[in-house]
PDB file of all heavy atoms in Angstrom:
ATOM      1  N   ARG A   1     -10.933   5.960  -8.797  1.00  0.00           N
ATOM      2  CA  ARG A   1     -11.591   6.450 -10.012  1.00  0.00           C
ATOM      3  C   ARG A   1     -11.496   7.964 -10.150  1.00  0.00           C
ATOM      4  O   ARG A   1     -11.577   8.493 -11.259  1.00  0.00           O
ATOM      5  CB  ARG A   1     -13.047   6.000 -10.057  1.00  0.00           C
ATOM      6  CG  ARG A   1     -13.231   4.549 -10.442  1.00  0.00           C
ATOM      7  CD  ARG A   1     -14.674   4.254 -10.743  1.00  0.00           C
ATOM      8  NE  ARG A   1     -15.592   4.626  -9.652  1.00  0.00           N
ATOM      9  CZ  ARG A   1     -16.915   4.534  -9.701  1.00  0.00           C
ATOM     10  NH1 ARG A   1     -17.483   4.134 -10.813  1.00  0.00           N
ATOM     11  NH2 ARG A   1     -17.654   4.867  -8.668  1.00  0.00           N
ATOM     12  N   ARG A   2     -11.365   8.652  -8.997  1.00  0.00           N
ATOM     13  CA  ARG A   2     -11.339  10.110  -9.044  1.00  0.00           C
ATOM     14  C   ARG A   2      -9.913  10.671  -9.002  1.00  0.00           C
ATOM     15  O   ARG A   2      -9.711  11.881  -8.935  1.00  0.00           O
ATOM     16  CB  ARG A   2     -12.164  10.729  -7.909  1.00  0.00           C
ATOM     17  CG  ARG A   2     -11.650  10.405  -6.514  1.00  0.00           C
ATOM     18  CD  ARG A   2     -12.395  11.219  -5.435  1.00  0.00           C
ATOM     19  NE  ARG A   2     -12.269  12.640  -5.636  1.00  0.00           N
ATOM     20  CZ  ARG A   2     -11.207  13.339  -5.229  1.00  0.00           C
ATOM     21  NH1 ARG A   2     -10.163  12.761  -4.648  1.00  0.00           N
ATOM     22  NH2 ARG A   2     -11.180  14.653  -5.437  1.00  0.00           N
ATOM     23  N   LEU A   3      -8.897   9.780  -9.071  1.00  0.00           N
ATOM     24  CA  LEU A   3      -7.513  10.220  -8.976  1.00  0.00           C
ATOM     25  C   LEU A   3      -6.789   9.999 -10.293  1.00  0.00           C
ATOM     26  O   LEU A   3      -7.043   9.014 -11.040  1.00  0.00           O
ATOM     27  CB  LEU A   3      -6.791   9.468  -7.871  1.00  0.00           C
ATOM     28  CG  LEU A   3      -7.278   9.737  -6.445  1.00  0.00           C
ATOM     29  CD1 LEU A   3      -6.592   8.806  -5.447  1.00  0.00           C
ATOM     30  CD2 LEU A   3      -7.076  11.197  -6.027  1.00  0.00           C
ATOM     31  N   ASP A   4      -5.824  10.872 -10.576  1.00  0.00           N
ATOM     32  CA  ASP A   4      -4.949  10.710 -11.755  1.00  0.00           C
ATOM     33  C   ASP A   4      -3.626  10.038 -11.387  1.00  0.00           C
ATOM     34  O   ASP A   4      -3.004   9.380 -12.218  1.00  0.00           O
ATOM     35  CB  ASP A   4      -4.665  12.087 -12.381  1.00  0.00           C
ATOM     36  CG  ASP A   4      -5.932  12.819 -12.786  1.00  0.00           C
ATOM     37  OD1 ASP A   4      -6.725  12.219 -13.533  1.00  0.00           O
ATOM     38  OD2 ASP A   4      -6.147  13.958 -12.306  1.00  0.00           O
ATOM     39  N   VAL A   5      -3.193  10.260 -10.162  1.00  0.00           N
ATOM     40  CA  VAL A   5      -1.909   9.731  -9.709  1.00  0.00           C
ATOM     41  C   VAL A   5      -2.035   9.332  -8.227  1.00  0.00           C
ATOM     42  O   VAL A   5      -2.723  10.025  -7.479  1.00  0.00           O
ATOM     43  CB  VAL A   5      -0.807  10.845  -9.799  1.00  0.00           C
ATOM     44  CG1 VAL A   5       0.557  10.271  -9.371  1.00  0.00           C
ATOM     45  CG2 VAL A   5      -0.719  11.427 -11.196  1.00  0.00           C
ATOM     46  N   ILE A   6      -1.404   8.225  -7.875  1.00  0.00           N
ATOM     47  CA  ILE A   6      -1.236   7.851  -6.463  1.00  0.00           C
ATOM     48  C   ILE A   6       0.259   7.730  -6.192  1.00  0.00           C
ATOM     49  O   ILE A   6       0.981   6.993  -6.900  1.00  0.00           O
ATOM     50  CB  ILE A   6      -1.974   6.562  -6.103  1.00  0.00           C
ATOM     51  CG1 ILE A   6      -3.489   6.758  -6.188  1.00  0.00           C
ATOM     52  CG2 ILE A   6      -1.598   6.091  -4.685  1.00  0.00           C
ATOM     53  CD1 ILE A   6      -4.309   5.519  -5.847  1.00  0.00           C
ATOM     54  N   ILE A   7       0.732   8.434  -5.177  1.00  0.00           N
ATOM     55  CA  ILE A   7       2.146   8.422  -4.811  1.00  0.00           C
ATOM     56  C   ILE A   7       2.304   7.800  -3.418  1.00  0.00           C
ATOM     57  O   ILE A   7       1.589   8.160  -2.498  1.00  0.00           O
ATOM     58  CB  ILE A   7       2.714   9.869  -4.809  1.00  0.00           C
ATOM     59  CG1 ILE A   7       2.637  10.482  -6.216  1.00  0.00           C
ATOM     60  CG2 ILE A   7       4.161   9.874  -4.287  1.00  0.00           C
ATOM     61  CD1 ILE A   7       3.032  11.956  -6.262  1.00  0.00           C
ATOM     62  N   VAL A   8       3.239   6.908  -3.293  1.00  0.00           N
ATOM     63  CA  VAL A   8       3.635   6.347  -1.992  1.00  0.00           C
ATOM     64  C   VAL A   8       4.928   7.069  -1.621  1.00  0.00           C
ATOM     65  O   VAL A   8       6.001   6.764  -2.150  1.00  0.00           O
ATOM     66  CB  VAL A   8       3.863   4.829  -2.064  1.00  0.00           C
ATOM     67  CG1 VAL A   8       4.244   4.289  -0.683  1.00  0.00           C
ATOM     68  CG2 VAL A   8       2.639   4.138  -2.604  1.00  0.00           C
ATOM     69  N   PRO A   9       4.875   8.064  -0.751  1.00  0.00           N
ATOM     70  CA  PRO A   9       6.040   8.893  -0.444  1.00  0.00           C
ATOM     71  C   PRO A   9       6.882   8.360   0.715  1.00  0.00           C
ATOM     72  O   PRO A   9       6.507   8.454   1.885  1.00  0.00           O
ATOM     73  CB  PRO A   9       5.417  10.249  -0.088  1.00  0.00           C
ATOM     74  CG  PRO A   9       4.110   9.905   0.531  1.00  0.00           C
ATOM     75  CD  PRO A   9       3.664   8.602  -0.058  1.00  0.00           C
ATOM     76  N   GLY A  10       8.037   7.792   0.402  1.00  0.00           N
ATOM     77  CA  GLY A  10       8.955   7.351   1.449  1.00  0.00           C
ATOM     78  C   GLY A  10       8.366   6.299   2.345  1.00  0.00           C
ATOM     79  O   GLY A  10       7.492   5.523   1.941  1.00  0.00           O
ATOM     80  N   THR A  11       8.833   6.250   3.577  1.00  0.00           N
ATOM     81  CA  THR A  11       8.497   5.290   4.648  1.00  0.00           C
ATOM     82  C   THR A  11       9.012   3.890   4.297  1.00  0.00           C
ATOM     83  O   THR A  11       9.336   3.600   3.134  1.00  0.00           O
ATOM     84  CB  THR A  11       6.971   5.214   4.930  1.00  0.00           C
ATOM     85  OG1 THR A  11       6.299   4.434   3.947  1.00  0.00           O
ATOM     86  CG2 THR A  11       6.348   6.590   4.995  1.00  0.00           C
ATOM     87  N   GLY A  12       9.027   3.016   5.286  1.00  0.00           N
ATOM     88  CA  GLY A  12       9.416   1.629   5.035  1.00  0.00           C
ATOM     89  C   GLY A  12       8.218   0.804   4.599  1.00  0.00           C
ATOM     90  O   GLY A  12       7.908  -0.201   5.250  1.00  0.00           O
ATOM     91  N   ILE A  13       7.589   1.230   3.537  1.00  0.00           N
ATOM     92  CA  ILE A  13       6.325   0.624   3.125  1.00  0.00           C
ATOM     93  C   ILE A  13       6.462  -0.833   2.744  1.00  0.00           C
ATOM     94  O   ILE A  13       5.521  -1.598   2.878  1.00  0.00           O
ATOM     95  CB  ILE A  13       5.706   1.457   1.969  1.00  0.00           C
ATOM     96  CG1 ILE A  13       4.246   1.099   1.719  1.00  0.00           C
ATOM     97  CG2 ILE A  13       6.540   1.299   0.693  1.00  0.00           C
ATOM     98  CD1 ILE A  13       3.298   1.587   2.769  1.00  0.00           C
ATOM     99  N   LEU A  14       7.645  -1.224   2.244  1.00  0.00           N
ATOM    100  CA  LEU A  14       7.830  -2.605   1.790  1.00  0.00           C
ATOM    101  C   LEU A  14       8.557  -3.451   2.827  1.00  0.00           C
ATOM    102  O   LEU A  14       9.576  -4.079   2.528  1.00  0.00           O
ATOM    103  CB  LEU A  14       8.590  -2.615   0.438  1.00  0.00           C
ATOM    104  CG  LEU A  14       7.835  -1.953  -0.731  1.00  0.00           C
ATOM    105  CD1 LEU A  14       8.721  -1.885  -1.951  1.00  0.00           C
ATOM    106  CD2 LEU A  14       6.536  -2.699  -1.044  1.00  0.00           C
ATOM    107  N   ASP A  15       8.059  -3.438   4.065  1.00  0.00           N
ATOM    108  CA  ASP A  15       8.511  -4.410   5.044  1.00  0.00           C
ATOM    109  C   ASP A  15       7.293  -4.821   5.880  1.00  0.00           C
ATOM    110  O   ASP A  15       6.218  -4.256   5.740  1.00  0.00           O
ATOM    111  CB  ASP A  15       9.654  -3.848   5.933  1.00  0.00           C
ATOM    112  CG  ASP A  15       9.200  -2.784   6.938  1.00  0.00           C
ATOM    113  OD1 ASP A  15       8.058  -2.849   7.448  1.00  0.00           O
ATOM    114  OD2 ASP A  15       9.982  -1.876   7.245  1.00  0.00           O
ATOM    115  N   ASP A  16       7.484  -5.821   6.720  1.00  0.00           N
ATOM    116  CA  ASP A  16       6.336  -6.277   7.535  1.00  0.00           C
ATOM    117  C   ASP A  16       6.635  -6.218   9.021  1.00  0.00           C
ATOM    118  O   ASP A  16       6.215  -7.036   9.807  1.00  0.00           O
ATOM    119  CB  ASP A  16       5.910  -7.717   7.136  1.00  0.00           C
ATOM    120  CG  ASP A  16       6.995  -8.761   7.315  1.00  0.00           C
ATOM    121  OD1 ASP A  16       8.167  -8.379   7.634  1.00  0.00           O
ATOM    122  OD2 ASP A  16       6.714  -9.971   7.168  1.00  0.00           O
ATOM    123  N   PHE A  17       7.390  -5.178   9.426  1.00  0.00           N
ATOM    124  CA  PHE A  17       7.727  -4.972  10.825  1.00  0.00           C
ATOM    125  C   PHE A  17       6.448  -4.787  11.646  1.00  0.00           C
ATOM    126  O   PHE A  17       5.654  -3.919  11.375  1.00  0.00           O
ATOM    127  CB  PHE A  17       8.625  -3.755  10.987  1.00  0.00           C
ATOM    128  CG  PHE A  17       8.987  -3.446  12.419  1.00  0.00           C
ATOM    129  CD1 PHE A  17       9.816  -4.287  13.131  1.00  0.00           C
ATOM    130  CD2 PHE A  17       8.476  -2.324  13.054  1.00  0.00           C
ATOM    131  CE1 PHE A  17      10.136  -4.005  14.455  1.00  0.00           C
ATOM    132  CE2 PHE A  17       8.794  -2.020  14.364  1.00  0.00           C
ATOM    133  CZ  PHE A  17       9.628  -2.870  15.069  1.00  0.00           C
ATOM    134  N   GLY A  18       6.251  -5.680  12.610  1.00  0.00           N
ATOM    135  CA  GLY A  18       5.124  -5.565  13.536  1.00  0.00           C
ATOM    136  C   GLY A  18       3.769  -5.759  12.870  1.00  0.00           C
ATOM    137  O   GLY A  18       2.758  -5.281  13.398  1.00  0.00           O
ATOM    138  N   ASP A  19       3.695  -6.399  11.704  1.00  0.00           N
ATOM    139  CA  ASP A  19       2.461  -6.492  10.959  1.00  0.00           C
ATOM    140  C   ASP A  19       2.251  -7.946  10.438  1.00  0.00           C
ATOM    141  O   ASP A  19       3.195  -8.735  10.315  1.00  0.00           O
ATOM    142  CB  ASP A  19       2.538  -5.536   9.760  1.00  0.00           C
ATOM    143  CG  ASP A  19       1.154  -5.148   9.222  1.00  0.00           C
ATOM    144  OD1 ASP A  19       0.158  -5.599   9.794  1.00  0.00           O
ATOM    145  OD2 ASP A  19       1.114  -4.381   8.253  1.00  0.00           O
ATOM    146  N   SER A  20       1.015  -8.251  10.138  1.00  0.00           N
ATOM    147  CA  SER A  20       0.672  -9.537   9.499  1.00  0.00           C
ATOM    148  C   SER A  20       0.328  -9.263   8.037  1.00  0.00           C
ATOM    149  O   SER A  20       0.133  -8.119   7.621  1.00  0.00           O
ATOM    150  CB  SER A  20      -0.542 -10.176  10.181  1.00  0.00           C
ATOM    151  OG  SER A  20      -1.742  -9.507   9.839  1.00  0.00           O
ATOM    152  N   PHE A  21       0.198 -10.330   7.241  1.00  0.00           N
ATOM    153  CA  PHE A  21      -0.088 -10.132   5.829  1.00  0.00           C
ATOM    154  C   PHE A  21      -1.448  -9.524   5.598  1.00  0.00           C
ATOM    155  O   PHE A  21      -1.732  -8.940   4.553  1.00  0.00           O
ATOM    156  CB  PHE A  21       0.071 -11.441   5.051  1.00  0.00           C
ATOM    157  CG  PHE A  21      -0.937 -12.514   5.387  1.00  0.00           C
ATOM    158  CD1 PHE A  21      -2.166 -12.564   4.760  1.00  0.00           C
ATOM    159  CD2 PHE A  21      -0.643 -13.473   6.326  1.00  0.00           C
ATOM    160  CE1 PHE A  21      -3.084 -13.559   5.062  1.00  0.00           C
ATOM    161  CE2 PHE A  21      -1.556 -14.492   6.639  1.00  0.00           C
ATOM    162  CZ  PHE A  21      -2.792 -14.512   5.992  1.00  0.00           C
ATOM    163  N   LEU A  22      -2.358  -9.638   6.581  1.00  0.00           N
ATOM    164  CA  LEU A  22      -3.696  -9.050   6.464  1.00  0.00           C
ATOM    165  C   LEU A  22      -3.696  -7.541   6.767  1.00  0.00           C
ATOM    166  O   LEU A  22      -4.735  -6.904   6.620  1.00  0.00           O
ATOM    167  CB  LEU A  22      -4.664  -9.748   7.393  1.00  0.00           C
ATOM    168  CG  LEU A  22      -5.120 -11.157   6.960  1.00  0.00           C
ATOM    169  CD1 LEU A  22      -5.969 -11.815   8.040  1.00  0.00           C
ATOM    170  CD2 LEU A  22      -5.898 -11.080   5.637  1.00  0.00           C
ATOM    171  N   GLY A  23      -2.541  -7.014   7.167  1.00  0.00           N
ATOM    172  CA  GLY A  23      -2.456  -5.596   7.440  1.00  0.00           C
ATOM    173  C   GLY A  23      -2.047  -4.816   6.217  1.00  0.00           C
ATOM    174  O   GLY A  23      -2.715  -4.871   5.158  1.00  0.00           O
ATOM    175  N   MET A  24      -0.909  -4.110   6.279  1.00  0.00           N
ATOM    176  CA  MET A  24      -0.455  -3.280   5.176  1.00  0.00           C
ATOM    177  C   MET A  24      -0.196  -4.083   3.863  1.00  0.00           C
ATOM    178  O   MET A  24      -0.505  -3.561   2.785  1.00  0.00           O
ATOM    179  CB  MET A  24       0.783  -2.485   5.564  1.00  0.00           C
ATOM    180  CG  MET A  24       1.320  -1.593   4.447  1.00  0.00           C
ATOM    181  SD  MET A  24       0.073  -0.526   3.674  1.00  0.00           S
ATOM    182  CE  MET A  24      -0.167   0.698   4.952  1.00  0.00           C
ATOM    183  N   PRO A  25       0.337  -5.296   3.908  1.00  0.00           N
ATOM    184  CA  PRO A  25       0.577  -5.990   2.641  1.00  0.00           C
ATOM    185  C   PRO A  25      -0.685  -6.122   1.777  1.00  0.00           C
ATOM    186  O   PRO A  25      -0.661  -5.806   0.590  1.00  0.00           O
ATOM    187  CB  PRO A  25       1.109  -7.361   3.070  1.00  0.00           C
ATOM    188  CG  PRO A  25       1.806  -7.086   4.339  1.00  0.00           C
ATOM    189  CD  PRO A  25       0.968  -6.039   5.042  1.00  0.00           C
ATOM    190  N   VAL A  26      -1.800  -6.537   2.367  1.00  0.00           N
ATOM    191  CA  VAL A  26      -3.056  -6.633   1.603  1.00  0.00           C
ATOM    192  C   VAL A  26      -3.537  -5.250   1.195  1.00  0.00           C
ATOM    193  O   VAL A  26      -3.970  -5.027   0.038  1.00  0.00           O
ATOM    194  CB  VAL A  26      -4.134  -7.376   2.439  1.00  0.00           C
ATOM    195  CG1 VAL A  26      -5.520  -7.171   1.802  1.00  0.00           C
ATOM    196  CG2 VAL A  26      -3.842  -8.836   2.531  1.00  0.00           C
ATOM    197  N   SER A  27      -3.486  -4.308   2.116  1.00  0.00           N
ATOM    198  CA  SER A  27      -3.958  -2.941   1.821  1.00  0.00           C
ATOM    199  C   SER A  27      -3.166  -2.330   0.670  1.00  0.00           C
ATOM    200  O   SER A  27      -3.736  -1.689  -0.228  1.00  0.00           O
ATOM    201  CB  SER A  27      -3.888  -2.053   3.057  1.00  0.00           C
ATOM    202  OG  SER A  27      -4.727  -2.527   4.082  1.00  0.00           O
ATOM    203  N   LEU A  28      -1.879  -2.490   0.694  1.00  0.00           N
ATOM    204  CA  LEU A  28      -1.019  -1.896  -0.333  1.00  0.00           C
ATOM    205  C   LEU A  28      -1.355  -2.473  -1.732  1.00  0.00           C
ATOM    206  O   LEU A  28      -1.538  -1.714  -2.682  1.00  0.00           O
ATOM    207  CB  LEU A  28       0.454  -2.165  -0.011  1.00  0.00           C
ATOM    208  CG  LEU A  28       1.469  -1.555  -0.997  1.00  0.00           C
ATOM    209  CD1 LEU A  28       1.381  -0.032  -0.988  1.00  0.00           C
ATOM    210  CD2 LEU A  28       2.885  -2.007  -0.603  1.00  0.00           C
ATOM    211  N   LEU A  29      -1.445  -3.786  -1.829  1.00  0.00           N
ATOM    212  CA  LEU A  29      -1.807  -4.384  -3.099  1.00  0.00           C
ATOM    213  C   LEU A  29      -3.204  -3.959  -3.557  1.00  0.00           C
ATOM    214  O   LEU A  29      -3.429  -3.692  -4.753  1.00  0.00           O
ATOM    215  CB  LEU A  29      -1.708  -5.900  -3.024  1.00  0.00           C
ATOM    216  CG  LEU A  29      -2.054  -6.671  -4.339  1.00  0.00           C
ATOM    217  CD1 LEU A  29      -1.185  -6.186  -5.496  1.00  0.00           C
ATOM    218  CD2 LEU A  29      -1.909  -8.167  -4.134  1.00  0.00           C
ATOM    219  N   THR A  30      -4.148  -3.889  -2.632  1.00  0.00           N
ATOM    220  CA  THR A  30      -5.499  -3.476  -2.968  1.00  0.00           C
ATOM    221  C   THR A  30      -5.515  -2.107  -3.633  1.00  0.00           C
ATOM    222  O   THR A  30      -6.129  -1.887  -4.703  1.00  0.00           O
ATOM    223  CB  THR A  30      -6.387  -3.464  -1.706  1.00  0.00           C
ATOM    224  OG1 THR A  30      -6.467  -4.792  -1.171  1.00  0.00           O
ATOM    225  CG2 THR A  30      -7.781  -2.962  -2.039  1.00  0.00           C
ATOM    226  N   TRP A  31      -4.845  -1.140  -3.013  1.00  0.00           N
ATOM    227  CA  TRP A  31      -4.851   0.215  -3.540  1.00  0.00           C
ATOM    228  C   TRP A  31      -4.045   0.332  -4.820  1.00  0.00           C
ATOM    229  O   TRP A  31      -4.427   1.095  -5.744  1.00  0.00           O
ATOM    230  CB  TRP A  31      -4.356   1.202  -2.484  1.00  0.00           C
ATOM    231  CG  TRP A  31      -5.438   1.519  -1.475  1.00  0.00           C
ATOM    232  CD1 TRP A  31      -5.711   0.879  -0.308  1.00  0.00           C
ATOM    233  CD2 TRP A  31      -6.383   2.568  -1.599  1.00  0.00           C
ATOM    234  NE1 TRP A  31      -6.783   1.462   0.318  1.00  0.00           N
ATOM    235  CE2 TRP A  31      -7.206   2.489  -0.441  1.00  0.00           C
ATOM    236  CE3 TRP A  31      -6.650   3.562  -2.532  1.00  0.00           C
ATOM    237  CZ2 TRP A  31      -8.265   3.398  -0.213  1.00  0.00           C
ATOM    238  CZ3 TRP A  31      -7.680   4.455  -2.299  1.00  0.00           C
ATOM    239  CH2 TRP A  31      -8.492   4.362  -1.146  1.00  0.00           C
ATOM    240  N   CYS A  32      -2.940  -0.386  -4.899  1.00  0.00           N
ATOM    241  CA  CYS A  32      -2.142  -0.349  -6.126  1.00  0.00           C
ATOM    242  C   CYS A  32      -2.923  -0.947  -7.313  1.00  0.00           C
ATOM    243  O   CYS A  32      -2.909  -0.390  -8.429  1.00  0.00           O
ATOM    244  CB  CYS A  32      -0.806  -1.081  -5.928  1.00  0.00           C
ATOM    245  SG  CYS A  32       0.343  -0.256  -4.831  1.00  0.00           S
ATOM    246  N   ALA A  33      -3.596  -2.048  -7.050  1.00  0.00           N
ATOM    247  CA  ALA A  33      -4.418  -2.665  -8.112  1.00  0.00           C
ATOM    248  C   ALA A  33      -5.561  -1.740  -8.509  1.00  0.00           C
ATOM    249  O   ALA A  33      -5.875  -1.601  -9.714  1.00  0.00           O
ATOM    250  CB  ALA A  33      -4.971  -4.003  -7.619  1.00  0.00           C
ATOM    251  N   ALA A  34      -6.184  -1.098  -7.538  1.00  0.00           N
ATOM    252  CA  ALA A  34      -7.274  -0.169  -7.852  1.00  0.00           C
ATOM    253  C   ALA A  34      -6.763   0.981  -8.723  1.00  0.00           C
ATOM    254  O   ALA A  34      -7.454   1.423  -9.665  1.00  0.00           O
ATOM    255  CB  ALA A  34      -7.883   0.369  -6.554  1.00  0.00           C
ATOM    256  N   ALA A  35      -5.561   1.492  -8.390  1.00  0.00           N
ATOM    257  CA  ALA A  35      -4.997   2.576  -9.183  1.00  0.00           C
ATOM    258  C   ALA A  35      -4.821   2.179 -10.638  1.00  0.00           C
ATOM    259  O   ALA A  35      -5.221   2.888 -11.566  1.00  0.00           O
ATOM    260  CB  ALA A  35      -3.663   3.008  -8.597  1.00  0.00           C
TER     261      ALA A  35
END
């Protein structure tokens, strides 16, 4: 609510290396939806 822009800068953000769906996949969608 206090941001105008959210940027995801680089990284292999769209893979699930060493992670479960309850890790970054859920977090990423949560923050993108909030934005």
